[in-house]
PDB file of N, CA and C in Angstrom:
ATOM      1  N   GLN A   1      73.554  90.495 107.912  1.00  0.00           N
ATOM      2  CA  GLN A   1      72.908  90.550 108.860  1.00  0.00           C
ATOM      3  C   GLN A   1      72.950  89.140 109.492  1.00  0.00           C
ATOM      4  N   VAL A   2      73.544  88.586 110.534  1.00  0.00           N
ATOM      5  CA  VAL A   2      72.832  87.306 110.915  1.00  0.00           C
ATOM      6  C   VAL A   2      72.545  86.683 111.681  1.00  0.00           C
ATOM      7  N   GLN A   3      70.900  85.674 111.636  1.00  0.00           N
ATOM      8  CA  GLN A   3      70.214  85.517 112.609  1.00  0.00           C
ATOM      9  C   GLN A   3      69.731  83.773 112.588  1.00  0.00           C
ATOM     10  N   LEU A   4      69.703  84.011 113.926  1.00  0.00           N
ATOM     11  CA  LEU A   4      69.073  82.474 114.363  1.00  0.00           C
ATOM     12  C   LEU A   4      67.812  82.549 114.704  1.00  0.00           C
ATOM     13  N   VAL A   5      66.899  81.510 114.239  1.00  0.00           N
ATOM     14  CA  VAL A   5      65.129  81.368 114.478  1.00  0.00           C
ATOM     15  C   VAL A   5      64.811  80.125 114.773  1.00  0.00           C
ATOM     16  N   GLU A   6      64.481  79.841 116.372  1.00  0.00           N
ATOM     17  CA  GLU A   6      64.485  78.841 116.726  1.00  0.00           C
ATOM     18  C   GLU A   6      62.363  78.693 116.728  1.00  0.00           C
ATOM     19  N   SER A   7      62.300  77.101 116.846  1.00  0.00           N
ATOM     20  CA  SER A   7      61.317  77.189 116.969  1.00  0.00           C
ATOM     21  C   SER A   7      61.165  75.701 117.754  1.00  0.00           C
ATOM     22  N   GLY A   8      59.899  74.747 118.210  1.00  0.00           N
ATOM     23  CA  GLY A   8      59.656  74.137 118.874  1.00  0.00           C
ATOM     24  C   GLY A   8      59.880  73.509 120.544  1.00  0.00           C
ATOM     25  N   GLY A   9      60.091  74.974 121.155  1.00  0.00           N
ATOM     26  CA  GLY A   9      60.281  74.402 122.744  1.00  0.00           C
ATOM     27  C   GLY A   9      58.625  74.584 122.826  1.00  0.00           C
ATOM     28  N   GLY A  10      58.036  73.739 124.131  1.00  0.00           N
ATOM     29  CA  GLY A  10      57.136  73.968 124.928  1.00  0.00           C
ATOM     30  C   GLY A  10      56.997  72.967 126.205  1.00  0.00           C
ATOM     31  N   LEU A  11      55.571  72.932 126.612  1.00  0.00           N
ATOM     32  CA  LEU A  11      55.113  71.828 127.859  1.00  0.00           C
ATOM     33  C   LEU A  11      55.334  70.331 127.550  1.00  0.00           C
ATOM     34  N   VAL A  12      55.922  69.128 127.954  1.00  0.00           N
ATOM     35  CA  VAL A  12      54.944  67.913 127.944  1.00  0.00           C
ATOM     36  C   VAL A  12      55.763  67.430 128.828  1.00  0.00           C
ATOM     37  N   GLN A  13      54.790  66.066 128.979  1.00  0.00           N
ATOM     38  CA  GLN A  13      55.034  65.175 130.411  1.00  0.00           C
ATOM     39  C   GLN A  13      56.278  64.490 130.012  1.00  0.00           C
ATOM     40  N   PRO A  14      56.621  63.900 131.440  1.00  0.00           N
ATOM     41  CA  PRO A  14      57.886  63.554 131.399  1.00  0.00           C
ATOM     42  C   PRO A  14      57.496  62.122 130.624  1.00  0.00           C
ATOM     43  N   GLY A  15      58.844  60.772 129.990  1.00  0.00           N
ATOM     44  CA  GLY A  15      58.917  60.598 128.803  1.00  0.00           C
ATOM     45  C   GLY A  15      58.478  61.144 127.551  1.00  0.00           C
ATOM     46  N   GLY A  16      57.781  62.260 127.381  1.00  0.00           N
ATOM     47  CA  GLY A  16      57.659  62.629 126.042  1.00  0.00           C
ATOM     48  C   GLY A  16      58.936  62.503 125.109  1.00  0.00           C
ATOM     49  N   SER A  17      57.850  63.769 124.022  1.00  0.00           N
ATOM     50  CA  SER A  17      59.329  63.768 123.039  1.00  0.00           C
ATOM     51  C   SER A  17      58.759  65.111 122.453  1.00  0.00           C
ATOM     52  N   LEU A  18      59.839  66.170 122.181  1.00  0.00           N
ATOM     53  CA  LEU A  18      59.425  67.086 121.249  1.00  0.00           C
ATOM     54  C   LEU A  18      60.770  67.311 120.639  1.00  0.00           C
ATOM     55  N   ARG A  19      60.815  68.024 119.665  1.00  0.00           N
ATOM     56  CA  ARG A  19      61.972  68.752 118.513  1.00  0.00           C
ATOM     57  C   ARG A  19      61.932  70.000 118.567  1.00  0.00           C
ATOM     58  N   LEU A  20      63.545  70.946 118.555  1.00  0.00           N
ATOM     59  CA  LEU A  20      63.529  71.311 118.088  1.00  0.00           C
ATOM     60  C   LEU A  20      64.242  72.351 116.746  1.00  0.00           C
ATOM     61  N   SER A  21      63.843  73.190 116.578  1.00  0.00           N
ATOM     62  CA  SER A  21      64.875  73.211 115.126  1.00  0.00           C
ATOM     63  C   SER A  21      65.208  74.744 115.093  1.00  0.00           C
ATOM     64  N   CYS A  22      66.717  74.904 114.386  1.00  0.00           N
ATOM     65  CA  CYS A  22      67.153  76.428 113.849  1.00  0.00           C
ATOM     66  C   CYS A  22      67.064  76.462 113.197  1.00  0.00           C
ATOM     67  N   ALA A  23      67.488  77.701 112.505  1.00  0.00           N
ATOM     68  CA  ALA A  23      67.937  78.048 110.952  1.00  0.00           C
ATOM     69  C   ALA A  23      68.342  79.518 111.256  1.00  0.00           C
ATOM     70  N   THR A  24      69.624  79.473 110.745  1.00  0.00           N
ATOM     71  CA  THR A  24      70.562  80.377 110.485  1.00  0.00           C
ATOM     72  C   THR A  24      70.361  81.160 109.119  1.00  0.00           C
ATOM     73  N   SER A  25      70.052  82.474 108.804  1.00  0.00           N
ATOM     74  CA  SER A  25      70.255  83.439 107.632  1.00  0.00           C
ATOM     75  C   SER A  25      71.070  84.510 107.654  1.00  0.00           C
ATOM     76  N   GLY A  26      70.897  84.949 106.506  1.00  0.00           N
ATOM     77  CA  GLY A  26      72.654  86.108 106.370  1.00  0.00           C
ATOM     78  C   GLY A  26      73.264  85.958 105.294  1.00  0.00           C
ATOM     79  N   SER A  27      74.553  87.081 106.446  1.00  0.00           N
ATOM     80  CA  SER A  27      75.757  87.211 105.442  1.00  0.00           C
ATOM     81  C   SER A  27      76.711  85.863 105.865  1.00  0.00           C
ATOM     82  N   ILE A  28      76.556  84.907 104.973  1.00  0.00           N
ATOM     83  CA  ILE A  28      77.914  84.015 105.715  1.00  0.00           C
ATOM     84  C   ILE A  28      78.177  83.148 104.470  1.00  0.00           C
ATOM     85  N   PHE A  29      79.703  83.150 104.679  1.00  0.00           N
ATOM     86  CA  PHE A  29      80.704  82.089 104.086  1.00  0.00           C
ATOM     87  C   PHE A  29      80.613  80.643 104.568  1.00  0.00           C
ATOM     88  N   SER A  30      80.696  80.246 105.618  1.00  0.00           N
ATOM     89  CA  SER A  30      80.540  79.388 105.479  1.00  0.00           C
ATOM     90  C   SER A  30      79.858  78.641 107.384  1.00  0.00           C
ATOM     91  N   ILE A  31      79.797  77.796 107.414  1.00  0.00           N
ATOM     92  CA  ILE A  31      78.925  77.329 108.464  1.00  0.00           C
ATOM     93  C   ILE A  31      79.922  76.095 109.423  1.00  0.00           C
ATOM     94  N   LEU A  32      80.791  76.441 110.126  1.00  0.00           N
ATOM     95  CA  LEU A  32      81.759  75.583 111.004  1.00  0.00           C
ATOM     96  C   LEU A  32      80.880  74.645 112.467  1.00  0.00           C
ATOM     97  N   GLY A  33      79.455  74.932 112.559  1.00  0.00           N
ATOM     98  CA  GLY A  33      79.074  74.745 113.416  1.00  0.00           C
ATOM     99  C   GLY A  33      77.758  74.824 113.722  1.00  0.00           C
ATOM    100  N   MET A  34      76.957  74.005 114.426  1.00  0.00           N
ATOM    101  CA  MET A  34      75.685  74.401 114.820  1.00  0.00           C
ATOM    102  C   MET A  34      74.993  73.260 116.426  1.00  0.00           C
ATOM    103  N   GLY A  35      74.676  73.951 116.863  1.00  0.00           N
ATOM    104  CA  GLY A  35      74.342  72.765 118.158  1.00  0.00           C
ATOM    105  C   GLY A  35      72.880  73.734 119.037  1.00  0.00           C
ATOM    106  N   TRP A  36      72.892  72.910 119.990  1.00  0.00           N
ATOM    107  CA  TRP A  36      72.227  73.543 121.024  1.00  0.00           C
ATOM    108  C   TRP A  36      72.728  73.536 122.777  1.00  0.00           C
ATOM    109  N   TYR A  37      72.087  74.864 123.391  1.00  0.00           N
ATOM    110  CA  TYR A  37      73.035  74.635 124.836  1.00  0.00           C
ATOM    111  C   TYR A  37      71.487  74.834 125.359  1.00  0.00           C
ATOM    112  N   ARG A  38      71.661  74.300 126.824  1.00  0.00           N
ATOM    113  CA  ARG A  38      70.347  75.322 127.679  1.00  0.00           C
ATOM    114  C   ARG A  38      70.591  75.506 128.827  1.00  0.00           C
ATOM    115  N   GLN A  39      70.231  76.075 129.060  1.00  0.00           N
ATOM    116  CA  GLN A  39      70.299  76.634 130.831  1.00  0.00           C
ATOM    117  C   GLN A  39      69.350  77.060 131.555  1.00  0.00           C
ATOM    118  N   ALA A  40      69.287  75.699 133.002  1.00  0.00           N
ATOM    119  CA  ALA A  40      68.194  75.522 133.914  1.00  0.00           C
ATOM    120  C   ALA A  40      68.360  76.834 134.962  1.00  0.00           C
ATOM    121  N   PRO A  41      67.428  77.233 135.727  1.00  0.00           N
ATOM    122  CA  PRO A  41      67.054  78.595 136.510  1.00  0.00           C
ATOM    123  C   PRO A  41      68.510  78.047 137.838  1.00  0.00           C
ATOM    124  N   GLY A  42      69.271  79.132 137.685  1.00  0.00           N
ATOM    125  CA  GLY A  42      70.691  78.924 139.101  1.00  0.00           C
ATOM    126  C   GLY A  42      71.530  78.265 138.169  1.00  0.00           C
ATOM    127  N   GLN A  43      71.848  77.496 137.077  1.00  0.00           N
ATOM    128  CA  GLN A  43      72.625  76.897 136.583  1.00  0.00           C
ATOM    129  C   GLN A  43      73.209  77.586 135.392  1.00  0.00           C
ATOM    130  N   GLN A  44      74.474  77.143 135.109  1.00  0.00           N
ATOM    131  CA  GLN A  44      74.831  77.335 134.047  1.00  0.00           C
ATOM    132  C   GLN A  44      75.018  77.106 132.823  1.00  0.00           C
ATOM    133  N   ARG A  45      74.800  77.948 131.191  1.00  0.00           N
ATOM    134  CA  ARG A  45      74.335  77.160 130.278  1.00  0.00           C
ATOM    135  C   ARG A  45      75.392  75.983 130.529  1.00  0.00           C
ATOM    136  N   GLU A  46      75.392  75.014 129.258  1.00  0.00           N
ATOM    137  CA  GLU A  46      75.818  73.994 129.183  1.00  0.00           C
ATOM    138  C   GLU A  46      75.456  73.018 127.771  1.00  0.00           C
ATOM    139  N   LEU A  47      76.676  72.883 126.892  1.00  0.00           N
ATOM    140  CA  LEU A  47      76.216  71.937 126.054  1.00  0.00           C
ATOM    141  C   LEU A  47      75.467  70.874 125.937  1.00  0.00           C
ATOM    142  N   VAL A  48      74.616  71.074 125.058  1.00  0.00           N
ATOM    143  CA  VAL A  48      73.739  69.604 124.636  1.00  0.00           C
ATOM    144  C   VAL A  48      74.023  68.947 123.719  1.00  0.00           C
ATOM    145  N   ALA A  49      74.002  69.126 122.459  1.00  0.00           N
ATOM    146  CA  ALA A  49      74.668  68.604 121.321  1.00  0.00           C
ATOM    147  C   ALA A  49      75.184  69.614 120.371  1.00  0.00           C
ATOM    148  N   THR A  50      75.827  69.156 119.258  1.00  0.00           N
ATOM    149  CA  THR A  50      76.806  70.322 118.441  1.00  0.00           C
ATOM    150  C   THR A  50      77.095  69.196 117.126  1.00  0.00           C
ATOM    151  N   VAL A  51      76.920  69.571 116.048  1.00  0.00           N
ATOM    152  CA  VAL A  51      77.542  68.797 114.806  1.00  0.00           C
ATOM    153  C   VAL A  51      78.376  69.664 114.038  1.00  0.00           C
ATOM    154  N   ASP A  52      79.405  69.353 113.817  1.00  0.00           N
ATOM    155  CA  ASP A  52      80.516  70.249 112.934  1.00  0.00           C
ATOM    156  C   ASP A  52      80.205  70.197 111.334  1.00  0.00           C
ATOM    157  N   SER A  53      81.241  70.948 110.714  1.00  0.00           N
ATOM    158  CA  SER A  53      80.817  70.806 108.800  1.00  0.00           C
ATOM    159  C   SER A  53      81.319  69.739 108.793  1.00  0.00           C
ATOM    160  N   GLY A  54      82.177  68.530 108.901  1.00  0.00           N
ATOM    161  CA  GLY A  54      82.016  67.255 108.672  1.00  0.00           C
ATOM    162  C   GLY A  54      80.997  66.169 108.981  1.00  0.00           C
ATOM    163  N   SER A  55      80.143  66.936 109.571  1.00  0.00           N
ATOM    164  CA  SER A  55      78.793  65.758 109.930  1.00  0.00           C
ATOM    165  C   SER A  55      79.249  65.374 111.631  1.00  0.00           C
ATOM    166  N   THR A  56      80.192  65.587 112.106  1.00  0.00           N
ATOM    167  CA  THR A  56      80.352  64.594 113.164  1.00  0.00           C
ATOM    168  C   THR A  56      79.456  65.319 114.579  1.00  0.00           C
ATOM    169  N   THR A  57      78.773  64.372 115.241  1.00  0.00           N
ATOM    170  CA  THR A  57      78.260  65.186 116.482  1.00  0.00           C
ATOM    171  C   THR A  57      78.584  64.950 117.625  1.00  0.00           C
ATOM    172  N   ASP A  58      78.641  65.222 118.276  1.00  0.00           N
ATOM    173  CA  ASP A  58      78.347  65.724 120.155  1.00  0.00           C
ATOM    174  C   ASP A  58      77.936  65.813 121.060  1.00  0.00           C
ATOM    175  N   TYR A  59      77.239  64.598 121.776  1.00  0.00           N
ATOM    176  CA  TYR A  59      76.319  64.783 122.791  1.00  0.00           C
ATOM    177  C   TYR A  59      77.174  64.903 124.380  1.00  0.00           C
ATOM    178  N   ALA A  60      76.368  65.793 124.824  1.00  0.00           N
ATOM    179  CA  ALA A  60      76.657  65.649 126.447  1.00  0.00           C
ATOM    180  C   ALA A  60      75.448  64.382 127.021  1.00  0.00           C
ATOM    181  N   ASP A  61      76.455  63.651 128.152  1.00  0.00           N
ATOM    182  CA  ASP A  61      76.245  62.105 128.680  1.00  0.00           C
ATOM    183  C   ASP A  61      74.667  62.103 129.202  1.00  0.00           C
ATOM    184  N   SER A  62      74.456  63.544 129.523  1.00  0.00           N
ATOM    185  CA  SER A  62      73.048  63.204 130.351  1.00  0.00           C
ATOM    186  C   SER A  62      71.859  63.033 128.817  1.00  0.00           C
ATOM    187  N   VAL A  63      72.485  62.884 127.744  1.00  0.00           N
ATOM    188  CA  VAL A  63      71.135  63.074 126.873  1.00  0.00           C
ATOM    189  C   VAL A  63      71.509  61.945 125.454  1.00  0.00           C
ATOM    190  N   LYS A  64      72.617  61.685 126.038  1.00  0.00           N
ATOM    191  CA  LYS A  64      73.385  60.537 124.636  1.00  0.00           C
ATOM    192  C   LYS A  64      71.958  59.131 124.698  1.00  0.00           C
ATOM    193  N   GLY A  65      71.763  58.666 123.536  1.00  0.00           N
ATOM    194  CA  GLY A  65      70.925  57.393 123.620  1.00  0.00           C
ATOM    195  C   GLY A  65      69.318  58.319 123.659  1.00  0.00           C
ATOM    196  N   ARG A  66      69.327  59.465 124.095  1.00  0.00           N
ATOM    197  CA  ARG A  66      67.382  60.109 124.087  1.00  0.00           C
ATOM    198  C   ARG A  66      67.454  61.043 123.266  1.00  0.00           C
ATOM    199  N   PHE A  67      68.386  61.875 123.031  1.00  0.00           N
ATOM    200  CA  PHE A  67      68.395  63.139 121.893  1.00  0.00           C
ATOM    201  C   PHE A  67      69.171  62.649 120.511  1.00  0.00           C
ATOM    202  N   THR A  68      68.649  63.493 119.576  1.00  0.00           N
ATOM    203  CA  THR A  68      69.386  63.082 117.819  1.00  0.00           C
ATOM    204  C   THR A  68      69.490  64.627 117.967  1.00  0.00           C
ATOM    205  N   LEU A  69      70.593  65.127 117.418  1.00  0.00           N
ATOM    206  CA  LEU A  69      70.627  66.289 116.118  1.00  0.00           C
ATOM    207  C   LEU A  69      71.003  65.862 114.721  1.00  0.00           C
ATOM    208  N   SER A  70      70.488  66.646 113.995  1.00  0.00           N
ATOM    209  CA  SER A  70      70.809  66.420 112.818  1.00  0.00           C
ATOM    210  C   SER A  70      70.669  68.162 111.630  1.00  0.00           C
ATOM    211  N   ARG A  71      71.156  67.619 110.879  1.00  0.00           N
ATOM    212  CA  ARG A  71      71.600  69.267 110.155  1.00  0.00           C
ATOM    213  C   ARG A  71      71.265  69.222 108.754  1.00  0.00           C
ATOM    214  N   ASP A  72      70.754  70.133 108.305  1.00  0.00           N
ATOM    215  CA  ASP A  72      70.490  69.862 106.675  1.00  0.00           C
ATOM    216  C   ASP A  72      70.578  71.897 106.535  1.00  0.00           C
ATOM    217  N   LYS A  73      72.001  71.465 105.928  1.00  0.00           N
ATOM    218  CA  LYS A  73      72.321  72.844 104.978  1.00  0.00           C
ATOM    219  C   LYS A  73      72.791  74.013 106.693  1.00  0.00           C
ATOM    220  N   ASN A  74      71.629  75.043 106.110  1.00  0.00           N
ATOM    221  CA  ASN A  74      71.879  76.166 106.844  1.00  0.00           C
ATOM    222  C   ASN A  74      70.647  75.483 108.370  1.00  0.00           C
ATOM    223  N   THR A  75      70.096  74.354 108.600  1.00  0.00           N
ATOM    224  CA  THR A  75      68.942  74.730 109.987  1.00  0.00           C
ATOM    225  C   THR A  75      70.092  72.734 110.610  1.00  0.00           C
ATOM    226  N   VAL A  76      69.654  73.374 111.884  1.00  0.00           N
ATOM    227  CA  VAL A  76      69.867  72.320 112.540  1.00  0.00           C
ATOM    228  C   VAL A  76      68.725  71.822 113.385  1.00  0.00           C
ATOM    229  N   SER A  77      68.533  70.599 113.831  1.00  0.00           N
ATOM    230  CA  SER A  77      67.158  69.937 114.515  1.00  0.00           C
ATOM    231  C   SER A  77      67.406  68.948 115.509  1.00  0.00           C
ATOM    232  N   LEU A  78      67.317  69.484 117.155  1.00  0.00           N
ATOM    233  CA  LEU A  78      67.210  68.209 118.043  1.00  0.00           C
ATOM    234  C   LEU A  78      65.691  67.760 118.438  1.00  0.00           C
ATOM    235  N   GLN A  79      65.823  66.110 118.376  1.00  0.00           N
ATOM    236  CA  GLN A  79      64.794  65.219 118.331  1.00  0.00           C
ATOM    237  C   GLN A  79      65.019  64.982 119.830  1.00  0.00           C
ATOM    238  N   MET A  80      63.951  65.424 120.415  1.00  0.00           N
ATOM    239  CA  MET A  80      64.493  65.188 122.235  1.00  0.00           C
ATOM    240  C   MET A  80      63.044  63.993 122.585  1.00  0.00           C
ATOM    241  N   ASN A  81      64.016  62.601 122.874  1.00  0.00           N
ATOM    242  CA  ASN A  81      62.872  61.624 123.503  1.00  0.00           C
ATOM    243  C   ASN A  81      63.582  61.320 124.328  1.00  0.00           C
ATOM    244  N   SER A  82      62.348  61.113 125.730  1.00  0.00           N
ATOM    245  CA  SER A  82      61.599  60.449 127.049  1.00  0.00           C
ATOM    246  C   SER A  82      63.069  61.542 127.727  1.00  0.00           C
ATOM    247  N   LEU A  83      61.749  62.639 127.531  1.00  0.00           N
ATOM    248  CA  LEU A  83      61.961  63.610 128.630  1.00  0.00           C
ATOM    249  C   LEU A  83      61.896  63.469 130.048  1.00  0.00           C
ATOM    250  N   LYS A  84      63.088  63.836 130.461  1.00  0.00           N
ATOM    251  CA  LYS A  84      63.083  64.290 132.037  1.00  0.00           C
ATOM    252  C   LYS A  84      62.796  65.472 132.492  1.00  0.00           C
ATOM    253  N   PRO A  85      62.223  65.756 133.575  1.00  0.00           N
ATOM    254  CA  PRO A  85      62.223  66.416 134.288  1.00  0.00           C
ATOM    255  C   PRO A  85      63.314  67.409 134.731  1.00  0.00           C
ATOM    256  N   ASP A  86      64.685  67.279 134.430  1.00  0.00           N
ATOM    257  CA  ASP A  86      65.767  67.826 134.528  1.00  0.00           C
ATOM    258  C   ASP A  86      66.147  67.902 133.143  1.00  0.00           C
ATOM    259  N   ASP A  87      65.020  67.880 132.501  1.00  0.00           N
ATOM    260  CA  ASP A  87      65.885  68.710 131.182  1.00  0.00           C
ATOM    261  C   ASP A  87      65.176  69.881 130.798  1.00  0.00           C
ATOM    262  N   THR A  88      64.489  70.607 132.002  1.00  0.00           N
ATOM    263  CA  THR A  88      63.777  71.159 131.859  1.00  0.00           C
ATOM    264  C   THR A  88      64.783  72.687 131.560  1.00  0.00           C
ATOM    265  N   ALA A  89      64.598  73.335 130.995  1.00  0.00           N
ATOM    266  CA  ALA A  89      66.084  75.041 131.160  1.00  0.00           C
ATOM    267  C   ALA A  89      64.873  75.422 129.726  1.00  0.00           C
ATOM    268  N   VAL A  90      65.913  77.100 129.507  1.00  0.00           N
ATOM    269  CA  VAL A  90      65.794  77.713 128.238  1.00  0.00           C
ATOM    270  C   VAL A  90      66.929  77.323 127.542  1.00  0.00           C
ATOM    271  N   TYR A  91      66.580  76.390 126.087  1.00  0.00           N
ATOM    272  CA  TYR A  91      67.679  75.940 124.890  1.00  0.00           C
ATOM    273  C   TYR A  91      67.693  76.812 124.087  1.00  0.00           C
ATOM    274  N   TYR A  92      69.471  77.228 123.695  1.00  0.00           N
ATOM    275  CA  TYR A  92      69.565  78.348 123.032  1.00  0.00           C
ATOM    276  C   TYR A  92      70.215  77.290 121.870  1.00  0.00           C
ATOM    277  N   CYS A  93      70.016  78.518 120.659  1.00  0.00           N
ATOM    278  CA  CYS A  93      70.408  77.697 119.718  1.00  0.00           C
ATOM    279  C   CYS A  93      71.792  78.401 118.929  1.00  0.00           C
ATOM    280  N   ASN A  94      73.384  77.319 118.833  1.00  0.00           N
ATOM    281  CA  ASN A  94      74.471  78.230 118.550  1.00  0.00           C
ATOM    282  C   ASN A  94      74.549  77.895 117.199  1.00  0.00           C
ATOM    283  N   ALA A  95      75.434  78.691 116.246  1.00  0.00           N
ATOM    284  CA  ALA A  95      76.111  78.609 115.170  1.00  0.00           C
ATOM    285  C   ALA A  95      77.643  79.358 115.209  1.00  0.00           C
ATOM    286  N   VAL A  96      78.414  78.768 114.729  1.00  0.00           N
ATOM    287  CA  VAL A  96      79.453  79.329 114.630  1.00  0.00           C
ATOM    288  C   VAL A  96      80.316  79.343 113.408  1.00  0.00           C
ATOM    289  N   LEU A  97      80.187  80.620 112.664  1.00  0.00           N
ATOM    290  CA  LEU A  97      80.537  80.750 111.495  1.00  0.00           C
ATOM    291  C   LEU A  97      81.934  81.261 111.124  1.00  0.00           C
ATOM    292  N   ARG A  98      81.880  80.967 109.340  1.00  0.00           N
ATOM    293  CA  ARG A  98      83.385  82.223 109.360  1.00  0.00           C
ATOM    294  C   ARG A  98      82.864  83.002 108.172  1.00  0.00           C
ATOM    295  N   ASP A  99      83.504  84.217 107.802  1.00  0.00           N
ATOM    296  CA  ASP A  99      82.901  84.657 106.979  1.00  0.00           C
ATOM    297  C   ASP A  99      83.755  85.203 106.119  1.00  0.00           C
ATOM    298  N   ARG A 100      83.393  86.257 104.755  1.00  0.00           N
ATOM    299  CA  ARG A 100      84.295  86.277 104.147  1.00  0.00           C
ATOM    300  C   ARG A 100      86.007  86.484 104.466  1.00  0.00           C
ATOM    301  N   PHE A 101      86.366  86.794 105.289  1.00  0.00           N
ATOM    302  CA  PHE A 101      87.916  87.165 105.832  1.00  0.00           C
ATOM    303  C   PHE A 101      88.535  86.091 106.305  1.00  0.00           C
ATOM    304  N   GLY A 102      87.643  84.701 106.923  1.00  0.00           N
ATOM    305  CA  GLY A 102      88.545  84.121 107.653  1.00  0.00           C
ATOM    306  C   GLY A 102      88.061  83.556 108.772  1.00  0.00           C
ATOM    307  N   ILE A 103      87.872  85.156 109.804  1.00  0.00           N
ATOM    308  CA  ILE A 103      87.140  85.235 111.079  1.00  0.00           C
ATOM    309  C   ILE A 103      85.670  84.496 111.072  1.00  0.00           C
ATOM    310  N   ARG A 104      86.490  83.768 112.547  1.00  0.00           N
ATOM    311  CA  ARG A 104      85.263  83.262 113.312  1.00  0.00           C
ATOM    312  C   ARG A 104      84.151  84.308 114.015  1.00  0.00           C
ATOM    313  N   ARG A 105      83.107  83.432 114.038  1.00  0.00           N
ATOM    314  CA  ARG A 105      82.023  84.354 114.789  1.00  0.00           C
ATOM    315  C   ARG A 105      80.744  83.462 115.627  1.00  0.00           C
ATOM    316  N   ASP A 106      80.312  83.716 116.148  1.00  0.00           N
ATOM    317  CA  ASP A 106      80.402  82.918 117.659  1.00  0.00           C
ATOM    318  C   ASP A 106      78.321  83.721 116.892  1.00  0.00           C
ATOM    319  N   TYR A 107      77.223  82.950 116.646  1.00  0.00           N
ATOM    320  CA  TYR A 107      75.802  83.544 117.307  1.00  0.00           C
ATOM    321  C   TYR A 107      74.409  82.366 118.372  1.00  0.00           C
ATOM    322  N   TRP A 108      74.077  83.358 118.534  1.00  0.00           N
ATOM    323  CA  TRP A 108      72.895  83.072 119.326  1.00  0.00           C
ATOM    324  C   TRP A 108      71.658  82.958 119.421  1.00  0.00           C
ATOM    325  N   GLY A 109      70.619  82.167 119.203  1.00  0.00           N
ATOM    326  CA  GLY A 109      69.115  82.294 119.174  1.00  0.00           C
ATOM    327  C   GLY A 109      69.008  82.980 120.123  1.00  0.00           C
ATOM    328  N   GLN A 110      67.759  83.749 120.214  1.00  0.00           N
ATOM    329  CA  GLN A 110      67.190  83.924 121.602  1.00  0.00           C
ATOM    330  C   GLN A 110      66.435  82.764 122.801  1.00  0.00           C
ATOM    331  N   GLY A 111      66.557  81.882 122.722  1.00  0.00           N
ATOM    332  CA  GLY A 111      66.286  80.594 123.589  1.00  0.00           C
ATOM    333  C   GLY A 111      64.554  80.310 123.676  1.00  0.00           C
ATOM    334  N   THR A 112      64.340  79.237 123.713  1.00  0.00           N
ATOM    335  CA  THR A 112      62.783  78.985 123.677  1.00  0.00           C
ATOM    336  C   THR A 112      62.872  77.639 124.868  1.00  0.00           C
ATOM    337  N   GLN A 113      61.944  78.449 125.435  1.00  0.00           N
ATOM    338  CA  GLN A 113      61.406  77.198 126.499  1.00  0.00           C
ATOM    339  C   GLN A 113      60.946  75.822 126.692  1.00  0.00           C
ATOM    340  N   VAL A 114      61.930  75.030 127.437  1.00  0.00           N
ATOM    341  CA  VAL A 114      61.537  73.527 127.297  1.00  0.00           C
ATOM    342  C   VAL A 114      61.276  73.387 128.452  1.00  0.00           C
ATOM    343  N   THR A 115      60.015  72.617 129.282  1.00  0.00           N
ATOM    344  CA  THR A 115      59.581  72.425 130.250  1.00  0.00           C
ATOM    345  C   THR A 115      58.458  71.145 130.419  1.00  0.00           C
ATOM    346  N   VAL A 116      59.514  69.948 131.508  1.00  0.00           N
ATOM    347  CA  VAL A 116      59.259  68.584 131.465  1.00  0.00           C
ATOM    348  C   VAL A 116      58.500  68.273 132.770  1.00  0.00           C
ATOM    349  N   SER A 117      56.983  68.778 132.773  1.00  0.00           N
ATOM    350  CA  SER A 117      56.408  68.429 133.919  1.00  0.00           C
ATOM    351  C   SER A 117      55.395  67.934 134.093  1.00  0.00           C
ATOM    352  N   SER A 118      54.711  67.302 134.757  1.00  0.00           N
ATOM    353  CA  SER A 118      53.570  66.021 135.311  1.00  0.00           C
ATOM    354  C   SER A 118      52.263  67.032 135.672  1.00  0.00           C
TER     355      SER A 118
END
């Protein structure tokens, strides 16, 4: 069984910072990629930042220069600085895994609320 455990969400004022973390556990042969997505009310889920097995990162244009993604083994962290009200959303951890048979599987965390408001 594979599970993703998220932490770090909360309420912050504009210009503030938060750090999100996500840890994977269970029967995993290899981790192909990990990252964060977010979904605001009335919006579709969108990519925030991802990192692949070669440590290559990818960021949404809206967060470049403000957010930093890092990965250490089974854990990925998202440092969010200079937060804006438009960053308010439920943030979901994502992991793309490969099992021992070479099958790719997509897993999601339960979501953690980030609210940026004065």
